Amino acid sequence: MIYSDYYQDYRGPELTKVILNDKENITDLVKPFYGKDHNWGGKLWTYKEVFGDDCEGNKFYCEFFSDDQRKHWFYGYISHKEDYFNVSLHTPMSQV
């Protein structure tokens, strides 16, 4: 993990679902990394840190709901577990 200025002032929507490999719901395991401020703790995490040691070669799906009830989501594939999970940030309309 490394600190990221990019995430420090960010406050995103609520993380509501994380699915690994189209079947395993790991939302409760990922929420501590997303943090109480919804900003990934101001850090960039490796895939291994967020998804576990056996994550390489898996797909993931992350879903969020903002205060205005809009759904935000993204998905990806983990090629190398030591790579950084560099997440796109979704800015709720209320923060624009």
PDB file of N, CA and C in Angstrom:
ATOM      1  N   MET A   1       0.839  -1.168   0.000  1.00  0.00           N
ATOM      2  CA  MET A   1       0.000   0.000   0.000  1.00  0.00           C
ATOM      3  C   MET A   1       0.883   1.229   0.000  1.00  0.00           C
ATOM      4  N   ILE A   2       0.392   2.262  -0.700  1.00  0.00           N
ATOM      5  CA  ILE A   2       1.081   3.549  -0.690  1.00  0.00           C
ATOM      6  C   ILE A   2       0.039   4.654  -0.514  1.00  0.00           C
ATOM      7  N   TYR A   3       0.444   5.725   0.133  1.00  0.00           N
ATOM      8  CA  TYR A   3      -0.452   6.864   0.296  1.00  0.00           C
ATOM      9  C   TYR A   3      -0.636   7.556  -1.042  1.00  0.00           C
ATOM     10  N   SER A   4      -1.817   8.090  -1.267  1.00  0.00           N
ATOM     11  CA  SER A   4      -2.130   8.747  -2.528  1.00  0.00           C
ATOM     12  C   SER A   4      -2.813  10.093  -2.276  1.00  0.00           C
ATOM     13  N   ASP A   5      -2.210  11.161  -2.750  1.00  0.00           N
ATOM     14  CA  ASP A   5      -2.834  12.481  -2.648  1.00  0.00           C
ATOM     15  C   ASP A   5      -4.168  12.504  -3.379  1.00  0.00           C
ATOM     16  N   TYR A   6      -4.266  11.733  -4.443  1.00  0.00           N
ATOM     17  CA  TYR A   6      -5.457  11.667  -5.275  1.00  0.00           C
ATOM     18  C   TYR A   6      -6.690  11.250  -4.471  1.00  0.00           C
ATOM     19  N   TYR A   7      -6.514  10.387  -3.493  1.00  0.00           N
ATOM     20  CA  TYR A   7      -7.631   9.873  -2.709  1.00  0.00           C
ATOM     21  C   TYR A   7      -7.894  10.646  -1.417  1.00  0.00           C
ATOM     22  N   GLN A   8      -6.981  11.494  -0.989  1.00  0.00           N
ATOM     23  CA  GLN A   8      -7.075  12.125   0.329  1.00  0.00           C
ATOM     24  C   GLN A   8      -8.372  12.902   0.555  1.00  0.00           C
ATOM     25  N   ASP A   9      -8.784  13.736  -0.382  1.00  0.00           N
ATOM     26  CA  ASP A   9      -9.967  14.574  -0.203  1.00  0.00           C
ATOM     27  C   ASP A   9     -11.216  13.979  -0.844  1.00  0.00           C
ATOM     28  N   TYR A  10     -11.100  12.814  -1.411  1.00  0.00           N
ATOM     29  CA  TYR A  10     -12.229  12.166  -2.077  1.00  0.00           C
ATOM     30  C   TYR A  10     -13.198  11.571  -1.055  1.00  0.00           C
ATOM     31  N   ARG A  11     -14.477  11.705  -1.302  1.00  0.00           N
ATOM     32  CA  ARG A  11     -15.525  11.064  -0.499  1.00  0.00           C
ATOM     33  C   ARG A  11     -16.520  10.468  -1.490  1.00  0.00           C
ATOM     34  N   GLY A  12     -16.475   9.168  -1.637  1.00  0.00           N
ATOM     35  CA  GLY A  12     -17.275   8.499  -2.645  1.00  0.00           C
ATOM     36  C   GLY A  12     -18.596   7.976  -2.136  1.00  0.00           C
ATOM     37  N   PRO A  13     -19.335   7.339  -3.023  1.00  0.00           N
ATOM     38  CA  PRO A  13     -20.605   6.730  -2.638  1.00  0.00           C
ATOM     39  C   PRO A  13     -20.386   5.471  -1.799  1.00  0.00           C
ATOM     40  N   GLU A  14     -21.443   4.971  -1.205  1.00  0.00           N
ATOM     41  CA  GLU A  14     -21.364   3.787  -0.359  1.00  0.00           C
ATOM     42  C   GLU A  14     -21.060   2.538  -1.181  1.00  0.00           C
ATOM     43  N   LEU A  15     -20.094   1.771  -0.737  1.00  0.00           N
ATOM     44  CA  LEU A  15     -19.771   0.487  -1.355  1.00  0.00           C
ATOM     45  C   LEU A  15     -20.827  -0.524  -0.922  1.00  0.00           C
ATOM     46  N   THR A  16     -21.540  -1.113  -1.896  1.00  0.00           N
ATOM     47  CA  THR A  16     -22.643  -2.014  -1.559  1.00  0.00           C
ATOM     48  C   THR A  16     -22.427  -3.453  -1.990  1.00  0.00           C
ATOM     49  N   LYS A  17     -21.510  -3.688  -2.940  1.00  0.00           N
ATOM     50  CA  LYS A  17     -21.312  -5.069  -3.391  1.00  0.00           C
ATOM     51  C   LYS A  17     -19.944  -5.225  -4.040  1.00  0.00           C
ATOM     52  N   VAL A  18     -19.250  -6.305  -3.676  1.00  0.00           N
ATOM     53  CA  VAL A  18     -18.002  -6.690  -4.346  1.00  0.00           C
ATOM     54  C   VAL A  18     -18.096  -8.190  -4.603  1.00  0.00           C
ATOM     55  N   ILE A  19     -17.978  -8.559  -5.865  1.00  0.00           N
ATOM     56  CA  ILE A  19     -18.074  -9.958  -6.279  1.00  0.00           C
ATOM     57  C   ILE A  19     -16.744 -10.360  -6.923  1.00  0.00           C
ATOM     58  N   LEU A  20     -16.209 -11.480  -6.493  1.00  0.00           N
ATOM     59  CA  LEU A  20     -14.972 -12.013  -7.050  1.00  0.00           C
ATOM     60  C   LEU A  20     -15.296 -13.256  -7.859  1.00  0.00           C
ATOM     61  N   ASN A  21     -14.804 -13.285  -9.075  1.00  0.00           N
ATOM     62  CA  ASN A  21     -14.949 -14.445  -9.965  1.00  0.00           C
ATOM     63  C   ASN A  21     -16.405 -14.806 -10.255  1.00  0.00           C
ATOM     64  N   ASP A  22     -17.252 -13.804 -10.396  1.00  0.00           N
ATOM     65  CA  ASP A  22     -18.672 -13.966 -10.756  1.00  0.00           C
ATOM     66  C   ASP A  22     -19.502 -14.721  -9.737  1.00  0.00           C
ATOM     67  N   LYS A  23     -18.953 -15.026  -8.551  1.00  0.00           N
ATOM     68  CA  LYS A  23     -19.746 -15.834  -7.621  1.00  0.00           C
ATOM     69  C   LYS A  23     -19.529 -15.525  -6.149  1.00  0.00           C
ATOM     70  N   GLU A  24     -18.348 -15.145  -5.748  1.00  0.00           N
ATOM     71  CA  GLU A  24     -18.034 -15.001  -4.326  1.00  0.00           C
ATOM     72  C   GLU A  24     -18.241 -13.559  -3.862  1.00  0.00           C
ATOM     73  N   ASN A  25     -19.208 -13.356  -2.983  1.00  0.00           N
ATOM     74  CA  ASN A  25     -19.473 -12.027  -2.436  1.00  0.00           C
ATOM     75  C   ASN A  25     -18.459 -11.747  -1.325  1.00  0.00           C
ATOM     76  N   ILE A  26     -17.577 -10.775  -1.566  1.00  0.00           N
ATOM     77  CA  ILE A  26     -16.527 -10.435  -0.599  1.00  0.00           C
ATOM     78  C   ILE A  26     -16.658  -8.993  -0.108  1.00  0.00           C
ATOM     79  N   THR A  27     -17.866  -8.473  -0.176  1.00  0.00           N
ATOM     80  CA  THR A  27     -18.118  -7.085   0.209  1.00  0.00           C
ATOM     81  C   THR A  27     -17.578  -6.779   1.601  1.00  0.00           C
ATOM     82  N   ASP A  28     -17.877  -7.630   2.572  1.00  0.00           N
ATOM     83  CA  ASP A  28     -17.447  -7.369   3.950  1.00  0.00           C
ATOM     84  C   ASP A  28     -15.933  -7.399   4.108  1.00  0.00           C
ATOM     85  N   LEU A  29     -15.237  -8.118   3.245  1.00  0.00           N
ATOM     86  CA  LEU A  29     -13.769  -8.147   3.302  1.00  0.00           C
ATOM     87  C   LEU A  29     -13.148  -6.891   2.699  1.00  0.00           C
ATOM     88  N   VAL A  30     -13.821  -6.297   1.723  1.00  0.00           N
ATOM     89  CA  VAL A  30     -13.277  -5.134   1.015  1.00  0.00           C
ATOM     90  C   VAL A  30     -13.637  -3.816   1.701  1.00  0.00           C
ATOM     91  N   LYS A  31     -14.771  -3.767   2.379  1.00  0.00           N
ATOM     92  CA  LYS A  31     -15.222  -2.512   3.005  1.00  0.00           C
ATOM     93  C   LYS A  31     -14.179  -1.865   3.919  1.00  0.00           C
ATOM     94  N   PRO A  32     -13.423  -2.605   4.724  1.00  0.00           N
ATOM     95  CA  PRO A  32     -12.396  -1.939   5.544  1.00  0.00           C
ATOM     96  C   PRO A  32     -11.346  -1.193   4.709  1.00  0.00           C
ATOM     97  N   PHE A  33     -11.058  -1.668   3.511  1.00  0.00           N
ATOM     98  CA  PHE A  33     -10.103  -0.978   2.638  1.00  0.00           C
ATOM     99  C   PHE A  33     -10.720   0.302   2.067  1.00  0.00           C
ATOM    100  N   TYR A  34     -12.013   0.259   1.764  1.00  0.00           N
ATOM    101  CA  TYR A  34     -12.721   1.441   1.254  1.00  0.00           C
ATOM    102  C   TYR A  34     -12.818   2.505   2.348  1.00  0.00           C
ATOM    103  N   GLY A  35     -12.971   2.079   3.578  1.00  0.00           N
ATOM    104  CA  GLY A  35     -12.902   2.966   4.729  1.00  0.00           C
ATOM    105  C   GLY A  35     -14.177   3.706   5.059  1.00  0.00           C
ATOM    106  N   LYS A  36     -14.199   4.255   6.262  1.00  0.00           N
ATOM    107  CA  LYS A  36     -15.378   4.981   6.739  1.00  0.00           C
ATOM    108  C   LYS A  36     -15.603   6.271   5.975  1.00  0.00           C
ATOM    109  N   ASP A  37     -14.546   6.837   5.389  1.00  0.00           N
ATOM    110  CA  ASP A  37     -14.668   8.064   4.599  1.00  0.00           C
ATOM    111  C   ASP A  37     -14.910   7.792   3.117  1.00  0.00           C
ATOM    112  N   HIS A  38     -15.031   6.513   2.761  1.00  0.00           N
ATOM    113  CA  HIS A  38     -15.292   6.107   1.364  1.00  0.00           C
ATOM    114  C   HIS A  38     -14.226   6.654   0.410  1.00  0.00           C
ATOM    115  N   ASN A  39     -12.970   6.535   0.806  1.00  0.00           N
ATOM    116  CA  ASN A  39     -11.881   7.063  -0.025  1.00  0.00           C
ATOM    117  C   ASN A  39     -10.682   6.110  -0.104  1.00  0.00           C
ATOM    118  N   TRP A  40     -10.948   4.820   0.100  1.00  0.00           N
ATOM    119  CA  TRP A  40      -9.892   3.797   0.082  1.00  0.00           C
ATOM    120  C   TRP A  40      -8.803   4.097   1.097  1.00  0.00           C
ATOM    121  N   GLY A  41      -9.197   4.769   2.186  1.00  0.00           N
ATOM    122  CA  GLY A  41      -8.258   5.077   3.262  1.00  0.00           C
ATOM    123  C   GLY A  41      -7.156   6.027   2.832  1.00  0.00           C
ATOM    124  N   GLY A  42      -7.383   6.732   1.702  1.00  0.00           N
ATOM    125  CA  GLY A  42      -6.362   7.643   1.194  1.00  0.00           C
ATOM    126  C   GLY A  42      -5.145   6.922   0.633  1.00  0.00           C
ATOM    127  N   LYS A  43      -5.324   5.649   0.257  1.00  0.00           N
ATOM    128  CA  LYS A  43      -4.191   4.823  -0.172  1.00  0.00           C
ATOM    129  C   LYS A  43      -4.497   4.054  -1.455  1.00  0.00           C
ATOM    130  N   LEU A  44      -3.450   3.667  -2.116  1.00  0.00           N
ATOM    131  CA  LEU A  44      -3.536   2.694  -3.200  1.00  0.00           C
ATOM    132  C   LEU A  44      -3.128   1.351  -2.619  1.00  0.00           C
ATOM    133  N   TRP A  45      -3.970   0.359  -2.799  1.00  0.00           N
ATOM    134  CA  TRP A  45      -3.716  -0.987  -2.287  1.00  0.00           C
ATOM    135  C   TRP A  45      -3.365  -1.901  -3.441  1.00  0.00           C
ATOM    136  N   THR A  46      -2.618  -2.955  -3.170  1.00  0.00           N
ATOM    137  CA  THR A  46      -2.388  -3.969  -4.202  1.00  0.00           C
ATOM    138  C   THR A  46      -3.623  -4.872  -4.265  1.00  0.00           C
ATOM    139  N   TYR A  47      -3.779  -5.537  -5.382  1.00  0.00           N
ATOM    140  CA  TYR A  47      -4.879  -6.499  -5.509  1.00  0.00           C
ATOM    141  C   TYR A  47      -4.786  -7.554  -4.403  1.00  0.00           C
ATOM    142  N   LYS A  48      -3.582  -7.986  -4.119  1.00  0.00           N
ATOM    143  CA  LYS A  48      -3.376  -9.009  -3.091  1.00  0.00           C
ATOM    144  C   LYS A  48      -3.885  -8.534  -1.732  1.00  0.00           C
ATOM    145  N   GLU A  49      -3.621  -7.272  -1.398  1.00  0.00           N
ATOM    146  CA  GLU A  49      -4.068  -6.733  -0.118  1.00  0.00           C
ATOM    147  C   GLU A  49      -5.597  -6.689  -0.032  1.00  0.00           C
ATOM    148  N   VAL A  50      -6.239  -6.293  -1.115  1.00  0.00           N
ATOM    149  CA  VAL A  50      -7.690  -6.132  -1.114  1.00  0.00           C
ATOM    150  C   VAL A  50      -8.423  -7.454  -1.314  1.00  0.00           C
ATOM    151  N   PHE A  51      -7.958  -8.263  -2.264  1.00  0.00           N
ATOM    152  CA  PHE A  51      -8.697  -9.462  -2.666  1.00  0.00           C
ATOM    153  C   PHE A  51      -8.095 -10.776  -2.159  1.00  0.00           C
ATOM    154  N   GLY A  52      -6.945 -10.718  -1.532  1.00  0.00           N
ATOM    155  CA  GLY A  52      -6.341 -11.922  -0.978  1.00  0.00           C
ATOM    156  C   GLY A  52      -5.251 -12.509  -1.853  1.00  0.00           C
ATOM    157  N   ASP A  53      -4.486 -13.412  -1.285  1.00  0.00           N
ATOM    158  CA  ASP A  53      -3.307 -13.986  -1.938  1.00  0.00           C
ATOM    159  C   ASP A  53      -3.637 -14.819  -3.175  1.00  0.00           C
ATOM    160  N   ASP A  54      -4.830 -15.383  -3.237  1.00  0.00           N
ATOM    161  CA  ASP A  54      -5.203 -16.248  -4.364  1.00  0.00           C
ATOM    162  C   ASP A  54      -6.027 -15.522  -5.425  1.00  0.00           C
ATOM    163  N   CYS A  55      -5.902 -14.204  -5.518  1.00  0.00           N
ATOM    164  CA  CYS A  55      -6.758 -13.420  -6.408  1.00  0.00           C
ATOM    165  C   CYS A  55      -6.299 -13.401  -7.866  1.00  0.00           C
ATOM    166  N   GLU A  56      -5.042 -13.709  -8.118  1.00  0.00           N
ATOM    167  CA  GLU A  56      -4.505 -13.604  -9.471  1.00  0.00           C
ATOM    168  C   GLU A  56      -5.305 -14.461 -10.445  1.00  0.00           C
ATOM    169  N   GLY A  57      -5.658 -13.869 -11.589  1.00  0.00           N
ATOM    170  CA  GLY A  57      -6.425 -14.571 -12.601  1.00  0.00           C
ATOM    171  C   GLY A  57      -7.928 -14.507 -12.408  1.00  0.00           C
ATOM    172  N   ASN A  58      -8.373 -13.734 -11.423  1.00  0.00           N
ATOM    173  CA  ASN A  58      -9.808 -13.613 -11.143  1.00  0.00           C
ATOM    174  C   ASN A  58     -10.385 -12.308 -11.679  1.00  0.00           C
ATOM    175  N   LYS A  59     -11.686 -12.314 -11.923  1.00  0.00           N
ATOM    176  CA  LYS A  59     -12.434 -11.113 -12.272  1.00  0.00           C
ATOM    177  C   LYS A  59     -13.047 -10.558 -10.991  1.00  0.00           C
ATOM    178  N   PHE A  60     -13.330  -9.251 -11.001  1.00  0.00           N
ATOM    179  CA  PHE A  60     -14.008  -8.635  -9.865  1.00  0.00           C
ATOM    180  C   PHE A  60     -15.024  -7.618 -10.366  1.00  0.00           C
ATOM    181  N   TYR A  61     -16.027  -7.372  -9.539  1.00  0.00           N
ATOM    182  CA  TYR A  61     -17.083  -6.402  -9.825  1.00  0.00           C
ATOM    183  C   TYR A  61     -17.338  -5.628  -8.538  1.00  0.00           C
ATOM    184  N   CYS A  62     -17.347  -4.304  -8.614  1.00  0.00           N
ATOM    185  CA  CYS A  62     -17.612  -3.452  -7.459  1.00  0.00           C
ATOM    186  C   CYS A  62     -18.801  -2.542  -7.768  1.00  0.00           C
ATOM    187  N   GLU A  63     -19.706  -2.438  -6.807  1.00  0.00           N
ATOM    188  CA  GLU A  63     -20.922  -1.643  -6.997  1.00  0.00           C
ATOM    189  C   GLU A  63     -21.092  -0.688  -5.828  1.00  0.00           C
ATOM    190  N   PHE A  64     -21.548   0.523  -6.136  1.00  0.00           N
ATOM    191  CA  PHE A  64     -21.720   1.593  -5.163  1.00  0.00           C
ATOM    192  C   PHE A  64     -23.081   2.254  -5.389  1.00  0.00           C
ATOM    193  N   PHE A  65     -23.656   2.830  -4.334  1.00  0.00           N
ATOM    194  CA  PHE A  65     -24.863   3.634  -4.457  1.00  0.00           C
ATOM    195  C   PHE A  65     -24.607   4.984  -3.815  1.00  0.00           C
ATOM    196  N   SER A  66     -24.894   6.037  -4.567  1.00  0.00           N
ATOM    197  CA  SER A  66     -24.711   7.385  -4.043  1.00  0.00           C
ATOM    198  C   SER A  66     -25.967   7.835  -3.309  1.00  0.00           C
ATOM    199  N   ASP A  67     -25.875   8.952  -2.619  1.00  0.00           N
ATOM    200  CA  ASP A  67     -26.997   9.475  -1.840  1.00  0.00           C
ATOM    201  C   ASP A  67     -28.229   9.740  -2.697  1.00  0.00           C
ATOM    202  N   ASP A  68     -28.024  10.033  -3.979  1.00  0.00           N
ATOM    203  CA  ASP A  68     -29.160  10.281  -4.873  1.00  0.00           C
ATOM    204  C   ASP A  68     -29.690   8.985  -5.501  1.00  0.00           C
ATOM    205  N   GLN A  69     -29.286   7.848  -4.936  1.00  0.00           N
ATOM    206  CA  GLN A  69     -29.742   6.508  -5.328  1.00  0.00           C
ATOM    207  C   GLN A  69     -29.276   6.069  -6.719  1.00  0.00           C
ATOM    208  N   ARG A  70     -28.236   6.707  -7.223  1.00  0.00           N
ATOM    209  CA  ARG A  70     -27.667   6.261  -8.494  1.00  0.00           C
ATOM    210  C   ARG A  70     -26.652   5.167  -8.227  1.00  0.00           C
ATOM    211  N   LYS A  71     -26.645   4.186  -9.116  1.00  0.00           N
ATOM    212  CA  LYS A  71     -25.699   3.076  -9.013  1.00  0.00           C
ATOM    213  C   LYS A  71     -24.450   3.409  -9.816  1.00  0.00           C
ATOM    214  N   HIS A  72     -23.297   3.162  -9.214  1.00  0.00           N
ATOM    215  CA  HIS A  72     -22.006   3.309  -9.872  1.00  0.00           C
ATOM    216  C   HIS A  72     -21.326   1.949  -9.782  1.00  0.00           C
ATOM    217  N   TRP A  73     -20.618   1.541 -10.802  1.00  0.00           N
ATOM    218  CA  TRP A  73     -19.970   0.238 -10.770  1.00  0.00           C
ATOM    219  C   TRP A  73     -18.755   0.221 -11.695  1.00  0.00           C
ATOM    220  N   PHE A  74     -17.894  -0.728 -11.447  1.00  0.00           N
ATOM    221  CA  PHE A  74     -16.780  -1.008 -12.351  1.00  0.00           C
ATOM    222  C   PHE A  74     -16.390  -2.466 -12.153  1.00  0.00           C
ATOM    223  N   TYR A  75     -15.669  -2.981 -13.104  1.00  0.00           N
ATOM    224  CA  TYR A  75     -15.203  -4.362 -13.014  1.00  0.00           C
ATOM    225  C   TYR A  75     -13.816  -4.444 -13.617  1.00  0.00           C
ATOM    226  N   GLY A  76     -13.155  -5.548 -13.380  1.00  0.00           N
ATOM    227  CA  GLY A  76     -11.809  -5.712 -13.918  1.00  0.00           C
ATOM    228  C   GLY A  76     -11.323  -7.141 -13.781  1.00  0.00           C
ATOM    229  N   TYR A  77     -10.100  -7.325 -14.200  1.00  0.00           N
ATOM    230  CA  TYR A  77      -9.425  -8.625 -14.171  1.00  0.00           C
ATOM    231  C   TYR A  77      -8.078  -8.441 -13.491  1.00  0.00           C
ATOM    232  N   ILE A  78      -7.723  -9.359 -12.634  1.00  0.00           N
ATOM    233  CA  ILE A  78      -6.468  -9.268 -11.878  1.00  0.00           C
ATOM    234  C   ILE A  78      -5.405 -10.108 -12.574  1.00  0.00           C
ATOM    235  N   SER A  79      -4.548  -9.443 -13.313  1.00  0.00           N
ATOM    236  CA  SER A  79      -3.472 -10.142 -14.024  1.00  0.00           C
ATOM    237  C   SER A  79      -2.314 -10.489 -13.097  1.00  0.00           C
ATOM    238  N   HIS A  80      -1.967  -9.533 -12.244  1.00  0.00           N
ATOM    239  CA  HIS A  80      -0.834  -9.708 -11.327  1.00  0.00           C
ATOM    240  C   HIS A  80      -1.242  -9.212  -9.940  1.00  0.00           C
ATOM    241  N   LYS A  81      -1.207 -10.072  -8.970  1.00  0.00           N
ATOM    242  CA  LYS A  81      -1.692  -9.727  -7.627  1.00  0.00           C
ATOM    243  C   LYS A  81      -0.888  -8.624  -6.949  1.00  0.00           C
ATOM    244  N   GLU A  82       0.350  -8.409  -7.380  1.00  0.00           N
ATOM    245  CA  GLU A  82       1.185  -7.362  -6.772  1.00  0.00           C
ATOM    246  C   GLU A  82       0.967  -5.994  -7.417  1.00  0.00           C
ATOM    247  N   ASP A  83       0.173  -5.926  -8.498  1.00  0.00           N
ATOM    248  CA  ASP A  83      -0.150  -4.635  -9.123  1.00  0.00           C
ATOM    249  C   ASP A  83      -1.061  -3.839  -8.196  1.00  0.00           C
ATOM    250  N   TYR A  84      -1.046  -2.513  -8.376  1.00  0.00           N
ATOM    251  CA  TYR A  84      -1.914  -1.675  -7.567  1.00  0.00           C
ATOM    252  C   TYR A  84      -3.328  -1.659  -8.125  1.00  0.00           C
ATOM    253  N   PHE A  85      -4.293  -1.740  -7.222  1.00  0.00           N
ATOM    254  CA  PHE A  85      -5.717  -1.656  -7.521  1.00  0.00           C
ATOM    255  C   PHE A  85      -6.038  -0.171  -7.616  1.00  0.00           C
ATOM    256  N   ASN A  86      -5.804   0.398  -8.797  1.00  0.00           N
ATOM    257  CA  ASN A  86      -5.942   1.835  -9.031  1.00  0.00           C
ATOM    258  C   ASN A  86      -7.371   2.119  -9.476  1.00  0.00           C
ATOM    259  N   VAL A  87      -8.210   2.420  -8.512  1.00  0.00           N
ATOM    260  CA  VAL A  87      -9.650   2.515  -8.704  1.00  0.00           C
ATOM    261  C   VAL A  87     -10.062   3.853  -9.303  1.00  0.00           C
ATOM    262  N   SER A  88     -10.975   3.806 -10.264  1.00  0.00           N
ATOM    263  CA  SER A  88     -11.588   5.027 -10.778  1.00  0.00           C
ATOM    264  C   SER A  88     -12.464   5.613  -9.685  1.00  0.00           C
ATOM    265  N   LEU A  89     -12.404   6.910  -9.498  1.00  0.00           N
ATOM    266  CA  LEU A  89     -13.193   7.555  -8.463  1.00  0.00           C
ATOM    267  C   LEU A  89     -14.470   8.114  -9.069  1.00  0.00           C
ATOM    268  N   HIS A  90     -15.592   7.850  -8.423  1.00  0.00           N
ATOM    269  CA  HIS A  90     -16.902   8.342  -8.854  1.00  0.00           C
ATOM    270  C   HIS A  90     -17.294   9.483  -7.944  1.00  0.00           C
ATOM    271  N   THR A  91     -17.486  10.649  -8.504  1.00  0.00           N
ATOM    272  CA  THR A  91     -17.855  11.801  -7.700  1.00  0.00           C
ATOM    273  C   THR A  91     -19.362  11.981  -7.711  1.00  0.00           C
ATOM    274  N   PRO A  92     -20.012  11.839  -6.580  1.00  0.00           N
ATOM    275  CA  PRO A  92     -21.455  12.069  -6.518  1.00  0.00           C
ATOM    276  C   PRO A  92     -21.801  13.485  -6.982  1.00  0.00           C
ATOM    277  N   MET A  93     -22.941  13.640  -7.606  1.00  0.00           N
ATOM    278  CA  MET A  93     -23.361  14.938  -8.125  1.00  0.00           C
ATOM    279  C   MET A  93     -23.411  15.986  -7.015  1.00  0.00           C
ATOM    280  N   SER A  94     -23.675  15.571  -5.801  1.00  0.00           N
ATOM    281  CA  SER A  94     -23.745  16.528  -4.703  1.00  0.00           C
ATOM    282  C   SER A  94     -22.388  17.147  -4.371  1.00  0.00           C
ATOM    283  N   GLN A  95     -21.292  16.551  -4.886  1.00  0.00           N
ATOM    284  CA  GLN A  95     -19.950  17.087  -4.617  1.00  0.00           C
ATOM    285  C   GLN A  95     -19.389  17.869  -5.803  1.00  0.00           C
ATOM    286  N   VAL A  96     -20.114  17.925  -6.899  1.00  0.00           N
ATOM    287  CA  VAL A  96     -19.623  18.602  -8.103  1.00  0.00           C
ATOM    288  C   VAL A  96     -19.762  20.083  -7.959  1.00  0.00           C
TER     289      VAL A  96
END
